[in-house]
Amino acid sequence: MSLSTTAHNLVLLAAEEGGQHGGHHDSLNPYLTGGGAFVILLLMLWVTTRLNRDR
Protein backbone atom coordinates (compact mmCIF):
# COMPACT_ATOMS: atom_id res chain seq x y z
CA MET A 1 0.00 0.00 0.00
CA SER A 2 1.57 3.26 -1.08
CA LEU A 3 1.31 6.64 0.58
CA SER A 4 -0.88 8.07 -2.19
CA THR A 5 -3.31 5.14 -1.93
CA THR A 6 -3.54 5.56 1.83
CA ALA A 7 -4.12 9.31 1.49
CA HIS A 8 -6.81 8.72 -1.14
CA ASN A 9 -8.61 6.22 1.11
CA LEU A 10 -8.51 8.66 4.05
CA VAL A 11 -9.93 11.45 1.90
CA LEU A 12 -12.77 9.21 0.79
CA LEU A 13 -13.48 8.18 4.37
CA ALA A 14 -13.54 11.81 5.52
CA ALA A 15 -15.86 12.77 2.65
CA GLU A 16 -18.33 10.07 3.62
CA GLU A 17 -18.39 11.12 7.28
CA GLY A 18 -18.64 14.81 6.43
CA GLY A 19 -21.70 14.27 4.29
CA GLN A 20 -23.71 12.87 7.17
CA HIS A 21 -22.85 15.32 9.90
CA GLY A 22 -21.63 18.48 8.19
CA GLY A 23 -19.29 19.33 11.06
CA HIS A 24 -21.73 21.70 12.77
CA HIS A 25 -23.34 21.13 16.13
CA ASP A 26 -26.60 22.86 16.95
CA SER A 27 -25.75 22.94 20.64
CA LEU A 28 -22.69 25.17 20.12
CA ASN A 29 -23.72 28.80 19.88
CA PRO A 30 -20.74 30.81 18.57
CA TYR A 31 -21.86 33.99 20.32
CA LEU A 32 -22.14 32.22 23.67
CA THR A 33 -18.80 30.47 23.20
CA GLY A 34 -17.03 33.67 22.15
CA GLY A 35 -18.68 35.71 24.90
CA GLY A 36 -17.71 33.14 27.52
CA ALA A 37 -14.11 33.11 26.30
CA PHE A 38 -14.05 36.92 26.36
CA VAL A 39 -15.35 37.04 29.94
CA ILE A 40 -12.80 34.45 31.06
CA LEU A 41 -9.97 36.39 29.43
CA LEU A 42 -11.12 39.62 31.08
CA LEU A 43 -11.25 37.84 34.45
CA MET A 44 -7.74 36.49 33.93
CA LEU A 45 -6.52 39.97 32.99
CA TRP A 46 -8.09 41.46 36.11
CA VAL A 47 -6.54 38.82 38.37
CA THR A 48 -3.13 39.30 36.75
CA THR A 49 -3.23 43.07 37.22
CA ARG A 50 -4.32 42.72 40.85
CA LEU A 51 -1.47 40.33 41.67
CA ASN A 52 1.16 42.23 39.72
CA ARG A 53 1.27 45.42 41.78
CA ASP A 54 4.56 47.03 42.67
CA ARG A 55 4.85 47.15 46.43
PDB file of N, CA and C in Angstrom:
ATOM      1  N   MET A   1       0.851  -1.171   0.000  1.00  0.00           N
ATOM      2  CA  MET A   1       0.000   0.000   0.000  1.00  0.00           C
ATOM      3  C   MET A   1       0.898   1.235   0.000  1.00  0.00           C
ATOM      4  N   SER A   2       0.722   2.080  -0.981  1.00  0.00           N
ATOM      5  CA  SER A   2       1.569   3.264  -1.083  1.00  0.00           C
ATOM      6  C   SER A   2       0.950   4.432  -0.313  1.00  0.00           C
ATOM      7  N   LEU A   3       1.752   5.457  -0.157  1.00  0.00           N
ATOM      8  CA  LEU A   3       1.307   6.636   0.581  1.00  0.00           C
ATOM      9  C   LEU A   3       0.149   7.329  -0.127  1.00  0.00           C
ATOM     10  N   SER A   4       0.206   7.399  -1.451  1.00  0.00           N
ATOM     11  CA  SER A   4      -0.877   8.067  -2.186  1.00  0.00           C
ATOM     12  C   SER A   4      -2.190   7.282  -2.079  1.00  0.00           C
ATOM     13  N   THR A   5      -2.102   5.954  -2.075  1.00  0.00           N
ATOM     14  CA  THR A   5      -3.306   5.137  -1.928  1.00  0.00           C
ATOM     15  C   THR A   5      -3.920   5.326  -0.541  1.00  0.00           C
ATOM     16  N   THR A   6      -3.060   5.355   0.469  1.00  0.00           N
ATOM     17  CA  THR A   6      -3.541   5.561   1.833  1.00  0.00           C
ATOM     18  C   THR A   6      -4.197   6.928   1.978  1.00  0.00           C
ATOM     19  N   ALA A   7      -3.562   7.952   1.421  1.00  0.00           N
ATOM     20  CA  ALA A   7      -4.120   9.310   1.485  1.00  0.00           C
ATOM     21  C   ALA A   7      -5.458   9.373   0.766  1.00  0.00           C
ATOM     22  N   HIS A   8      -5.553   8.724  -0.380  1.00  0.00           N
ATOM     23  CA  HIS A   8      -6.810   8.718  -1.140  1.00  0.00           C
ATOM     24  C   HIS A   8      -7.927   8.040  -0.339  1.00  0.00           C
ATOM     25  N   ASN A   9      -7.604   6.922   0.304  1.00  0.00           N
ATOM     26  CA  ASN A   9      -8.607   6.223   1.114  1.00  0.00           C
ATOM     27  C   ASN A   9      -9.057   7.073   2.298  1.00  0.00           C
ATOM     28  N   LEU A  10      -8.133   7.794   2.928  1.00  0.00           N
ATOM     29  CA  LEU A  10      -8.510   8.660   4.049  1.00  0.00           C
ATOM     30  C   LEU A  10      -9.389   9.818   3.599  1.00  0.00           C
ATOM     31  N   VAL A  11      -9.101  10.364   2.429  1.00  0.00           N
ATOM     32  CA  VAL A  11      -9.928  11.451   1.901  1.00  0.00           C
ATOM     33  C   VAL A  11     -11.339  10.953   1.616  1.00  0.00           C
ATOM     34  N   LEU A  12     -11.444   9.774   1.055  1.00  0.00           N
ATOM     35  CA  LEU A  12     -12.774   9.210   0.785  1.00  0.00           C
ATOM     36  C   LEU A  12     -13.535   8.945   2.083  1.00  0.00           C
ATOM     37  N   LEU A  13     -12.848   8.439   3.086  1.00  0.00           N
ATOM     38  CA  LEU A  13     -13.483   8.179   4.372  1.00  0.00           C
ATOM     39  C   LEU A  13     -13.971   9.484   5.012  1.00  0.00           C
ATOM     40  N   ALA A  14     -13.142  10.519   4.944  1.00  0.00           N
ATOM     41  CA  ALA A  14     -13.537  11.812   5.518  1.00  0.00           C
ATOM     42  C   ALA A  14     -14.715  12.416   4.762  1.00  0.00           C
ATOM     43  N   ALA A  15     -14.763  12.233   3.447  1.00  0.00           N
ATOM     44  CA  ALA A  15     -15.861  12.769   2.652  1.00  0.00           C
ATOM     45  C   ALA A  15     -17.170  12.067   2.995  1.00  0.00           C
ATOM     46  N   GLU A  16     -17.112  10.790   3.260  1.00  0.00           N
ATOM     47  CA  GLU A  16     -18.331  10.065   3.621  1.00  0.00           C
ATOM     48  C   GLU A  16     -18.848  10.507   4.980  1.00  0.00           C
ATOM     49  N   GLU A  17     -17.974  10.692   5.943  1.00  0.00           N
ATOM     50  CA  GLU A  17     -18.391  11.120   7.284  1.00  0.00           C
ATOM     51  C   GLU A  17     -18.899  12.553   7.257  1.00  0.00           C
ATOM     52  N   GLY A  18     -18.243  13.411   6.480  1.00  0.00           N
ATOM     53  CA  GLY A  18     -18.639  14.811   6.435  1.00  0.00           C
ATOM     54  C   GLY A  18     -20.007  15.014   5.812  1.00  0.00           C
ATOM     55  N   GLY A  19     -20.410  14.136   4.930  1.00  0.00           N
ATOM     56  CA  GLY A  19     -21.702  14.270   4.289  1.00  0.00           C
ATOM     57  C   GLY A  19     -22.859  14.020   5.240  1.00  0.00           C
ATOM     58  N   GLN A  20     -22.647  13.189   6.235  1.00  0.00           N
ATOM     59  CA  GLN A  20     -23.714  12.872   7.169  1.00  0.00           C
ATOM     60  C   GLN A  20     -23.884  13.940   8.235  1.00  0.00           C
ATOM     61  N   HIS A  21     -22.780  14.437   8.743  1.00  0.00           N
ATOM     62  CA  HIS A  21     -22.852  15.320   9.897  1.00  0.00           C
ATOM     63  C   HIS A  21     -22.659  16.794   9.539  1.00  0.00           C
ATOM     64  N   GLY A  22     -21.843  17.095   8.594  1.00  0.00           N
ATOM     65  CA  GLY A  22     -21.628  18.476   8.190  1.00  0.00           C
ATOM     66  C   GLY A  22     -20.659  19.222   9.076  1.00  0.00           C
ATOM     67  N   GLY A  23     -20.271  18.690  10.208  1.00  0.00           N
ATOM     68  CA  GLY A  23     -19.291  19.330  11.062  1.00  0.00           C
ATOM     69  C   GLY A  23     -19.843  20.407  11.969  1.00  0.00           C
ATOM     70  N   HIS A  24     -21.135  20.649  11.933  1.00  0.00           N
ATOM     71  CA  HIS A  24     -21.733  21.696  12.768  1.00  0.00           C
ATOM     72  C   HIS A  24     -22.613  21.058  13.836  1.00  0.00           C
ATOM     73  N   HIS A  25     -22.518  21.616  15.037  1.00  0.00           N
ATOM     74  CA  HIS A  25     -23.344  21.129  16.133  1.00  0.00           C
ATOM     75  C   HIS A  25     -24.325  22.223  16.522  1.00  0.00           C
ATOM     76  N   ASP A  26     -25.585  21.874  16.613  1.00  0.00           N
ATOM     77  CA  ASP A  26     -26.600  22.862  16.945  1.00  0.00           C
ATOM     78  C   ASP A  26     -26.460  23.355  18.378  1.00  0.00           C
ATOM     79  N   SER A  27     -25.843  22.550  19.245  1.00  0.00           N
ATOM     80  CA  SER A  27     -25.747  22.938  20.642  1.00  0.00           C
ATOM     81  C   SER A  27     -24.660  23.976  20.888  1.00  0.00           C
ATOM     82  N   LEU A  28     -23.772  24.200  19.940  1.00  0.00           N
ATOM     83  CA  LEU A  28     -22.690  25.167  20.122  1.00  0.00           C
ATOM     84  C   LEU A  28     -23.091  26.501  19.495  1.00  0.00           C
ATOM     85  N   ASN A  29     -23.389  27.463  20.349  1.00  0.00           N
ATOM     86  CA  ASN A  29     -23.715  28.801  19.882  1.00  0.00           C
ATOM     87  C   ASN A  29     -22.423  29.610  19.826  1.00  0.00           C
ATOM     88  N   PRO A  30     -22.026  30.101  18.654  1.00  0.00           N
ATOM     89  CA  PRO A  30     -20.745  30.812  18.565  1.00  0.00           C
ATOM     90  C   PRO A  30     -20.715  32.102  19.389  1.00  0.00           C
ATOM     91  N   TYR A  31     -21.837  32.765  19.527  1.00  0.00           N
ATOM     92  CA  TYR A  31     -21.862  33.992  20.323  1.00  0.00           C
ATOM     93  C   TYR A  31     -21.675  33.687  21.808  1.00  0.00           C
ATOM     94  N   LEU A  32     -22.289  32.609  22.275  1.00  0.00           N
ATOM     95  CA  LEU A  32     -22.140  32.216  23.673  1.00  0.00           C
ATOM     96  C   LEU A  32     -20.715  31.734  23.948  1.00  0.00           C
ATOM     97  N   THR A  33     -20.165  30.968  23.035  1.00  0.00           N
ATOM     98  CA  THR A  33     -18.798  30.473  23.197  1.00  0.00           C
ATOM     99  C   THR A  33     -17.795  31.617  23.187  1.00  0.00           C
ATOM    100  N   GLY A  34     -17.934  32.527  22.235  1.00  0.00           N
ATOM    101  CA  GLY A  34     -17.032  33.674  22.152  1.00  0.00           C
ATOM    102  C   GLY A  34     -17.191  34.617  23.326  1.00  0.00           C
ATOM    103  N   GLY A  35     -18.435  34.837  23.742  1.00  0.00           N
ATOM    104  CA  GLY A  35     -18.681  35.706  24.899  1.00  0.00           C
ATOM    105  C   GLY A  35     -18.117  35.115  26.181  1.00  0.00           C
ATOM    106  N   GLY A  36     -18.266  33.797  26.345  1.00  0.00           N
ATOM    107  CA  GLY A  36     -17.707  33.137  27.522  1.00  0.00           C
ATOM    108  C   GLY A  36     -16.194  33.212  27.538  1.00  0.00           C
ATOM    109  N   ALA A  37     -15.568  33.012  26.386  1.00  0.00           N
ATOM    110  CA  ALA A  37     -14.111  33.108  26.297  1.00  0.00           C
ATOM    111  C   ALA A  37     -13.655  34.529  26.603  1.00  0.00           C
ATOM    112  N   PHE A  38     -14.390  35.521  26.109  1.00  0.00           N
ATOM    113  CA  PHE A  38     -14.046  36.923  26.357  1.00  0.00           C
ATOM    114  C   PHE A  38     -14.137  37.252  27.847  1.00  0.00           C
ATOM    115  N   VAL A  39     -15.187  36.793  28.498  1.00  0.00           N
ATOM    116  CA  VAL A  39     -15.351  37.044  29.938  1.00  0.00           C
ATOM    117  C   VAL A  39     -14.234  36.373  30.731  1.00  0.00           C
ATOM    118  N   ILE A  40     -13.884  35.147  30.366  1.00  0.00           N
ATOM    119  CA  ILE A  40     -12.801  34.445  31.063  1.00  0.00           C
ATOM    120  C   ILE A  40     -11.475  35.166  30.873  1.00  0.00           C
ATOM    121  N   LEU A  41     -11.205  35.649  29.660  1.00  0.00           N
ATOM    122  CA  LEU A  41      -9.968  36.389  29.425  1.00  0.00           C
ATOM    123  C   LEU A  41      -9.938  37.693  30.205  1.00  0.00           C
ATOM    124  N   LEU A  42     -11.078  38.392  30.292  1.00  0.00           N
ATOM    125  CA  LEU A  42     -11.120  39.619  31.085  1.00  0.00           C
ATOM    126  C   LEU A  42     -10.889  39.328  32.564  1.00  0.00           C
ATOM    127  N   LEU A  43     -11.463  38.237  33.060  1.00  0.00           N
ATOM    128  CA  LEU A  43     -11.250  37.844  34.448  1.00  0.00           C
ATOM    129  C   LEU A  43      -9.776  37.519  34.705  1.00  0.00           C
ATOM    130  N   MET A  44      -9.155  36.803  33.785  1.00  0.00           N
ATOM    131  CA  MET A  44      -7.735  36.489  33.932  1.00  0.00           C
ATOM    132  C   MET A  44      -6.879  37.750  33.900  1.00  0.00           C
ATOM    133  N   LEU A  45      -7.240  38.709  33.046  1.00  0.00           N
ATOM    134  CA  LEU A  45      -6.517  39.974  32.989  1.00  0.00           C
ATOM    135  C   LEU A  45      -6.664  40.737  34.293  1.00  0.00           C
ATOM    136  N   TRP A  46      -7.854  40.756  34.848  1.00  0.00           N
ATOM    137  CA  TRP A  46      -8.092  41.461  36.106  1.00  0.00           C
ATOM    138  C   TRP A  46      -7.286  40.834  37.244  1.00  0.00           C
ATOM    139  N   VAL A  47      -7.294  39.507  37.327  1.00  0.00           N
ATOM    140  CA  VAL A  47      -6.536  38.819  38.374  1.00  0.00           C
ATOM    141  C   VAL A  47      -5.043  39.094  38.217  1.00  0.00           C
ATOM    142  N   THR A  48      -4.557  39.058  36.991  1.00  0.00           N
ATOM    143  CA  THR A  48      -3.132  39.303  36.751  1.00  0.00           C
ATOM    144  C   THR A  48      -2.739  40.713  37.163  1.00  0.00           C
ATOM    145  N   THR A  49      -3.570  41.699  36.850  1.00  0.00           N
ATOM    146  CA  THR A  49      -3.228  43.075  37.217  1.00  0.00           C
ATOM    147  C   THR A  49      -3.337  43.299  38.727  1.00  0.00           C
ATOM    148  N   ARG A  50      -4.219  42.589  39.405  1.00  0.00           N
ATOM    149  CA  ARG A  50      -4.323  42.722  40.853  1.00  0.00           C
ATOM    150  C   ARG A  50      -3.110  42.121  41.547  1.00  0.00           C
ATOM    151  N   LEU A  51      -2.592  41.009  41.024  1.00  0.00           N
ATOM    152  CA  LEU A  51      -1.467  40.326  41.672  1.00  0.00           C
ATOM    153  C   LEU A  51      -0.122  40.877  41.251  1.00  0.00           C
ATOM    154  N   ASN A  52      -0.090  41.744  40.255  1.00  0.00           N
ATOM    155  CA  ASN A  52       1.162  42.230  39.718  1.00  0.00           C
ATOM    156  C   ASN A  52       1.446  43.670  40.123  1.00  0.00           C
ATOM    157  N   ARG A  53       1.040  44.051  41.310  1.00  0.00           N
ATOM    158  CA  ARG A  53       1.271  45.415  41.776  1.00  0.00           C
ATOM    159  C   ARG A  53       2.699  45.551  42.298  1.00  0.00           C
ATOM    160  N   ASP A  54       3.266  46.715  42.072  1.00  0.00           N
ATOM    161  CA  ASP A  54       4.563  47.028  42.671  1.00  0.00           C
ATOM    162  C   ASP A  54       4.322  47.427  44.120  1.00  0.00           C
ATOM    163  N   ARG A  55       5.073  46.847  45.009  1.00  0.00           N
ATOM    164  CA  ARG A  55       4.850  47.148  46.432  1.00  0.00           C
ATOM    165  C   ARG A  55       5.934  48.009  46.991  1.00  0.00           C
TER     166      ARG A  55
END
